[in-house]
């Protein structure tokens, strides 16, 4: 969660208040990387929800456009899919 919070705060500091897409894409990438590295689904859901709340609080005007917030959830889904694809396949026993 610290990584996602740091990305959200850096987004808010570096990017202007009029830009909505760049902070959301960076948050989605951070959540996707987190989802690919962490095995527990509950932690991934909690961090994704935290990223959405943080994005709404930090980026002004983002609460009015919920389509951007779906992108953060899509990043988490891509990260979980990437983790699933890297998992070794179950080998049937003899």
N, C-alpha and C. Protein backbone atom coordinates (compact mmCIF):
# COMPACT_ATOMS: atom_id res chain seq x y z
N UNK A 1 0.83 -1.19 0.00
CA UNK A 1 0.00 0.00 0.00
C UNK A 1 0.86 1.25 0.00
N UNK A 2 2.04 1.13 0.61
CA UNK A 2 2.93 2.29 0.65
C UNK A 2 3.37 2.69 -0.76
N UNK A 3 3.60 1.70 -1.62
CA UNK A 3 3.98 1.99 -3.00
C UNK A 3 2.86 2.72 -3.72
N UNK A 4 1.65 2.26 -3.56
CA UNK A 4 0.51 2.88 -4.23
C UNK A 4 0.27 4.29 -3.69
N UNK A 5 0.41 4.46 -2.38
CA UNK A 5 0.24 5.79 -1.79
C UNK A 5 1.34 6.74 -2.27
N UNK A 6 2.57 6.24 -2.36
CA UNK A 6 3.67 7.08 -2.85
C UNK A 6 3.44 7.50 -4.29
N UNK A 7 2.96 6.58 -5.12
CA UNK A 7 2.67 6.91 -6.52
C UNK A 7 1.58 7.96 -6.60
N UNK A 8 0.54 7.83 -5.79
CA UNK A 8 -0.55 8.81 -5.81
C UNK A 8 -0.07 10.19 -5.37
N UNK A 9 0.77 10.23 -4.36
CA UNK A 9 1.26 11.53 -3.89
C UNK A 9 2.24 12.16 -4.88
N UNK A 10 3.08 11.36 -5.50
CA UNK A 10 3.99 11.89 -6.51
C UNK A 10 3.20 12.39 -7.71
N UNK A 11 2.14 11.66 -8.08
CA UNK A 11 1.27 12.12 -9.17
C UNK A 11 0.70 13.49 -8.85
N UNK A 12 0.23 13.65 -7.64
CA UNK A 12 -0.41 14.91 -7.27
C UNK A 12 0.60 16.05 -7.25
N UNK A 13 1.84 15.75 -6.88
CA UNK A 13 2.84 16.81 -6.81
C UNK A 13 3.40 17.17 -8.18
N UNK A 14 3.62 16.19 -9.04
CA UNK A 14 4.28 16.44 -10.31
C UNK A 14 3.33 16.84 -11.43
N UNK A 15 2.14 16.33 -11.42
CA UNK A 15 1.22 16.59 -12.52
C UNK A 15 0.25 17.70 -12.13
N UNK A 16 -0.17 18.44 -13.12
CA UNK A 16 -1.07 19.56 -12.88
C UNK A 16 -2.47 19.10 -12.50
N UNK A 17 -3.26 20.00 -11.93
CA UNK A 17 -4.61 19.63 -11.50
C UNK A 17 -5.57 19.37 -12.66
N UNK A 18 -5.24 19.84 -13.86
CA UNK A 18 -6.14 19.64 -15.00
C UNK A 18 -5.99 18.29 -15.67
N UNK A 19 -4.92 17.59 -15.38
CA UNK A 19 -4.65 16.30 -16.02
C UNK A 19 -5.22 15.18 -15.18
N UNK A 20 -6.17 14.42 -15.74
CA UNK A 20 -6.77 13.32 -15.00
C UNK A 20 -6.26 11.96 -15.45
N UNK A 21 -5.91 11.81 -16.70
CA UNK A 21 -5.56 10.49 -17.22
C UNK A 21 -4.21 10.00 -16.71
N UNK A 22 -3.21 10.85 -16.67
CA UNK A 22 -1.87 10.41 -16.28
C UNK A 22 -1.82 9.87 -14.85
N UNK A 23 -2.40 10.54 -13.85
CA UNK A 23 -2.35 9.97 -12.50
C UNK A 23 -3.09 8.64 -12.38
N UNK A 24 -4.19 8.51 -13.10
CA UNK A 24 -4.96 7.27 -13.02
C UNK A 24 -4.19 6.13 -13.67
N UNK A 25 -3.55 6.40 -14.79
CA UNK A 25 -2.76 5.35 -15.46
C UNK A 25 -1.59 4.93 -14.58
N UNK A 26 -0.91 5.88 -13.96
CA UNK A 26 0.21 5.53 -13.07
C UNK A 26 -0.27 4.74 -11.86
N UNK A 27 -1.42 5.11 -11.30
CA UNK A 27 -1.98 4.35 -10.19
C UNK A 27 -2.38 2.94 -10.63
N UNK A 28 -2.94 2.83 -11.84
CA UNK A 28 -3.32 1.51 -12.35
C UNK A 28 -2.09 0.62 -12.55
N UNK A 29 -1.00 1.20 -13.03
CA UNK A 29 0.23 0.43 -13.20
C UNK A 29 0.77 -0.02 -11.84
N UNK A 30 0.76 0.88 -10.85
CA UNK A 30 1.24 0.52 -9.51
C UNK A 30 0.39 -0.59 -8.90
N UNK A 31 -0.92 -0.50 -9.05
CA UNK A 31 -1.81 -1.53 -8.51
C UNK A 31 -1.62 -2.85 -9.27
N UNK A 32 -1.41 -2.77 -10.57
CA UNK A 32 -1.17 -3.98 -11.35
C UNK A 32 0.11 -4.68 -10.97
N UNK A 33 1.17 -3.93 -10.74
CA UNK A 33 2.44 -4.52 -10.29
C UNK A 33 2.25 -5.16 -8.92
N UNK A 34 1.55 -4.48 -8.04
CA UNK A 34 1.29 -5.03 -6.71
C UNK A 34 0.47 -6.31 -6.81
N UNK A 35 -0.53 -6.31 -7.66
CA UNK A 35 -1.38 -7.50 -7.80
C UNK A 35 -0.61 -8.68 -8.39
N UNK A 36 0.38 -8.38 -9.23
CA UNK A 36 1.18 -9.45 -9.82
C UNK A 36 2.16 -10.05 -8.82
N UNK A 37 2.56 -9.28 -7.81
CA UNK A 37 3.58 -9.75 -6.88
C UNK A 37 3.02 -10.36 -5.60
N UNK A 38 1.80 -9.98 -5.22
CA UNK A 38 1.22 -10.44 -3.95
C UNK A 38 0.28 -11.60 -4.20
N UNK A 39 0.39 -12.64 -3.39
CA UNK A 39 -0.41 -13.85 -3.60
C UNK A 39 -1.82 -13.75 -3.00
N UNK A 40 -1.98 -13.04 -1.91
CA UNK A 40 -3.27 -13.00 -1.21
C UNK A 40 -4.25 -12.07 -1.91
N UNK A 41 -5.38 -12.61 -2.33
CA UNK A 41 -6.38 -11.83 -3.05
C UNK A 41 -7.01 -10.75 -2.19
N UNK A 42 -7.15 -11.02 -0.91
CA UNK A 42 -7.76 -10.01 -0.02
C UNK A 42 -6.88 -8.78 0.09
N UNK A 43 -5.58 -8.99 0.13
CA UNK A 43 -4.66 -7.85 0.19
C UNK A 43 -4.72 -7.07 -1.11
N UNK A 44 -4.80 -7.76 -2.22
CA UNK A 44 -4.90 -7.08 -3.51
C UNK A 44 -6.18 -6.26 -3.59
N UNK A 45 -7.29 -6.81 -3.13
CA UNK A 45 -8.56 -6.06 -3.12
C UNK A 45 -8.48 -4.84 -2.21
N UNK A 46 -7.86 -5.00 -1.05
CA UNK A 46 -7.75 -3.88 -0.12
C UNK A 46 -6.87 -2.78 -0.70
N UNK A 47 -5.77 -3.14 -1.32
CA UNK A 47 -4.88 -2.13 -1.90
C UNK A 47 -5.54 -1.46 -3.10
N UNK A 48 -6.28 -2.22 -3.89
CA UNK A 48 -7.00 -1.62 -5.02
C UNK A 48 -8.05 -0.63 -4.53
N UNK A 49 -8.80 -1.01 -3.52
CA UNK A 49 -9.79 -0.09 -2.95
C UNK A 49 -9.11 1.14 -2.36
N UNK A 50 -8.00 0.93 -1.68
CA UNK A 50 -7.25 2.06 -1.14
C UNK A 50 -6.72 2.97 -2.22
N UNK A 51 -6.30 2.41 -3.34
CA UNK A 51 -5.81 3.22 -4.46
C UNK A 51 -6.93 4.06 -5.06
N UNK A 52 -8.12 3.49 -5.15
CA UNK A 52 -9.26 4.25 -5.67
C UNK A 52 -9.61 5.39 -4.73
N UNK A 53 -9.65 5.11 -3.44
CA UNK A 53 -9.97 6.16 -2.46
C UNK A 53 -8.90 7.24 -2.48
N UNK A 54 -7.65 6.84 -2.52
CA UNK A 54 -6.55 7.81 -2.55
C UNK A 54 -6.59 8.64 -3.82
N UNK A 55 -6.90 8.03 -4.94
CA UNK A 55 -6.98 8.77 -6.19
C UNK A 55 -8.09 9.81 -6.14
N UNK A 56 -9.21 9.44 -5.55
CA UNK A 56 -10.32 10.40 -5.43
C UNK A 56 -9.95 11.54 -4.50
N UNK A 57 -9.23 11.24 -3.43
CA UNK A 57 -8.87 12.28 -2.47
C UNK A 57 -7.76 13.19 -2.98
N UNK A 58 -6.81 12.62 -3.72
CA UNK A 58 -5.63 13.39 -4.11
C UNK A 58 -5.83 14.14 -5.42
N UNK A 59 -6.45 13.51 -6.40
CA UNK A 59 -6.61 14.14 -7.72
C UNK A 59 -7.93 14.90 -7.76
N UNK A 60 -7.88 16.22 -7.87
CA UNK A 60 -9.13 16.99 -7.89
C UNK A 60 -9.90 16.75 -9.19
N UNK A 61 -11.20 16.57 -9.06
CA UNK A 61 -12.07 16.39 -10.21
C UNK A 61 -12.23 14.94 -10.64
N UNK A 62 -11.53 14.02 -9.98
CA UNK A 62 -11.59 12.62 -10.39
C UNK A 62 -12.89 11.95 -9.94
N UNK A 63 -13.47 12.43 -8.87
CA UNK A 63 -14.71 11.84 -8.37
C UNK A 63 -15.87 12.06 -9.34
N UNK A 64 -15.76 13.07 -10.19
CA UNK A 64 -16.82 13.36 -11.14
C UNK A 64 -16.77 12.46 -12.38
N UNK A 65 -15.67 11.76 -12.58
CA UNK A 65 -15.50 10.90 -13.76
C UNK A 65 -15.18 9.48 -13.31
N UNK A 66 -16.20 8.67 -13.02
CA UNK A 66 -15.94 7.32 -12.51
C UNK A 66 -15.33 6.39 -13.54
N UNK A 67 -15.38 6.74 -14.81
CA UNK A 67 -14.76 5.89 -15.83
C UNK A 67 -13.27 5.73 -15.63
N UNK A 68 -12.63 6.77 -15.13
CA UNK A 68 -11.20 6.69 -14.86
C UNK A 68 -10.91 5.74 -13.70
N UNK A 69 -11.79 5.67 -12.74
CA UNK A 69 -11.57 4.82 -11.58
C UNK A 69 -11.65 3.34 -11.94
N UNK A 70 -12.43 3.02 -12.96
CA UNK A 70 -12.52 1.63 -13.42
C UNK A 70 -11.17 1.16 -13.95
N UNK A 71 -10.39 2.09 -14.48
CA UNK A 71 -9.07 1.75 -15.00
C UNK A 71 -8.14 1.22 -13.92
N UNK A 72 -8.27 1.70 -12.70
CA UNK A 72 -7.45 1.19 -11.60
C UNK A 72 -7.82 -0.26 -11.29
N UNK A 73 -9.10 -0.57 -11.28
CA UNK A 73 -9.53 -1.95 -11.09
C UNK A 73 -9.10 -2.85 -12.23
N UNK A 74 -9.09 -2.31 -13.45
CA UNK A 74 -8.63 -3.07 -14.61
C UNK A 74 -7.13 -3.38 -14.49
N UNK A 75 -6.37 -2.44 -13.97
CA UNK A 75 -4.95 -2.68 -13.74
C UNK A 75 -4.72 -3.80 -12.74
N UNK A 76 -5.54 -3.84 -11.69
CA UNK A 76 -5.44 -4.92 -10.71
C UNK A 76 -5.82 -6.26 -11.34
N UNK A 77 -6.84 -6.26 -12.18
CA UNK A 77 -7.23 -7.51 -12.84
C UNK A 77 -6.14 -8.00 -13.79
N UNK A 78 -5.48 -7.09 -14.49
CA UNK A 78 -4.38 -7.49 -15.36
C UNK A 78 -3.20 -8.05 -14.55
N UNK A 79 -2.94 -7.45 -13.40
CA UNK A 79 -1.87 -7.95 -12.55
C UNK A 79 -2.16 -9.35 -12.03
N UNK A 80 -3.40 -9.58 -11.62
CA UNK A 80 -3.79 -10.93 -11.15
C UNK A 80 -3.71 -11.93 -12.29
N UNK A 81 -4.12 -11.52 -13.48
CA UNK A 81 -4.03 -12.41 -14.63
C UNK A 81 -2.59 -12.75 -14.97
N UNK A 82 -1.72 -11.78 -14.86
CA UNK A 82 -0.31 -12.03 -15.13
C UNK A 82 0.26 -12.99 -14.09
N UNK A 83 -0.16 -12.85 -12.84
CA UNK A 83 0.29 -13.77 -11.79
C UNK A 83 -0.24 -15.18 -12.06
N UNK A 84 -1.48 -15.27 -12.50
CA UNK A 84 -2.08 -16.57 -12.80
C UNK A 84 -1.35 -17.24 -13.97
N UNK A 85 -0.96 -16.45 -14.97
CA UNK A 85 -0.28 -17.02 -16.12
C UNK A 85 1.15 -17.48 -15.77
N UNK A 86 1.79 -16.85 -14.79
CA UNK A 86 3.12 -17.25 -14.38
C UNK A 86 3.12 -18.46 -13.46
N UNK A 87 1.99 -18.80 -12.88
CA UNK A 87 1.91 -19.91 -11.94
C UNK A 87 2.16 -21.23 -12.70
N UNK A 88 2.91 -22.14 -12.08
CA UNK A 88 3.16 -23.40 -12.75
C UNK A 88 1.87 -24.22 -12.87
N UNK A 89 1.75 -24.89 -13.98
CA UNK A 89 0.56 -25.71 -14.21
C UNK A 89 0.62 -26.95 -13.33
N UNK A 90 -0.55 -27.37 -12.88
CA UNK A 90 -0.63 -28.57 -12.05
C UNK A 90 -0.37 -29.80 -12.93
N UNK A 91 0.57 -30.60 -12.51
CA UNK A 91 0.91 -31.80 -13.27
C UNK A 91 0.12 -32.97 -12.69
N UNK A 92 -0.63 -33.68 -13.53
CA UNK A 92 -1.40 -34.82 -13.00
C UNK A 92 -0.47 -35.92 -12.50
N UNK A 93 -0.88 -36.53 -11.43
CA UNK A 93 -0.08 -37.61 -10.82
C UNK A 93 -0.12 -38.89 -11.64
N UNK A 94 0.77 -39.84 -11.32
CA UNK A 94 0.82 -41.10 -12.08
C UNK A 94 -0.38 -41.98 -11.85
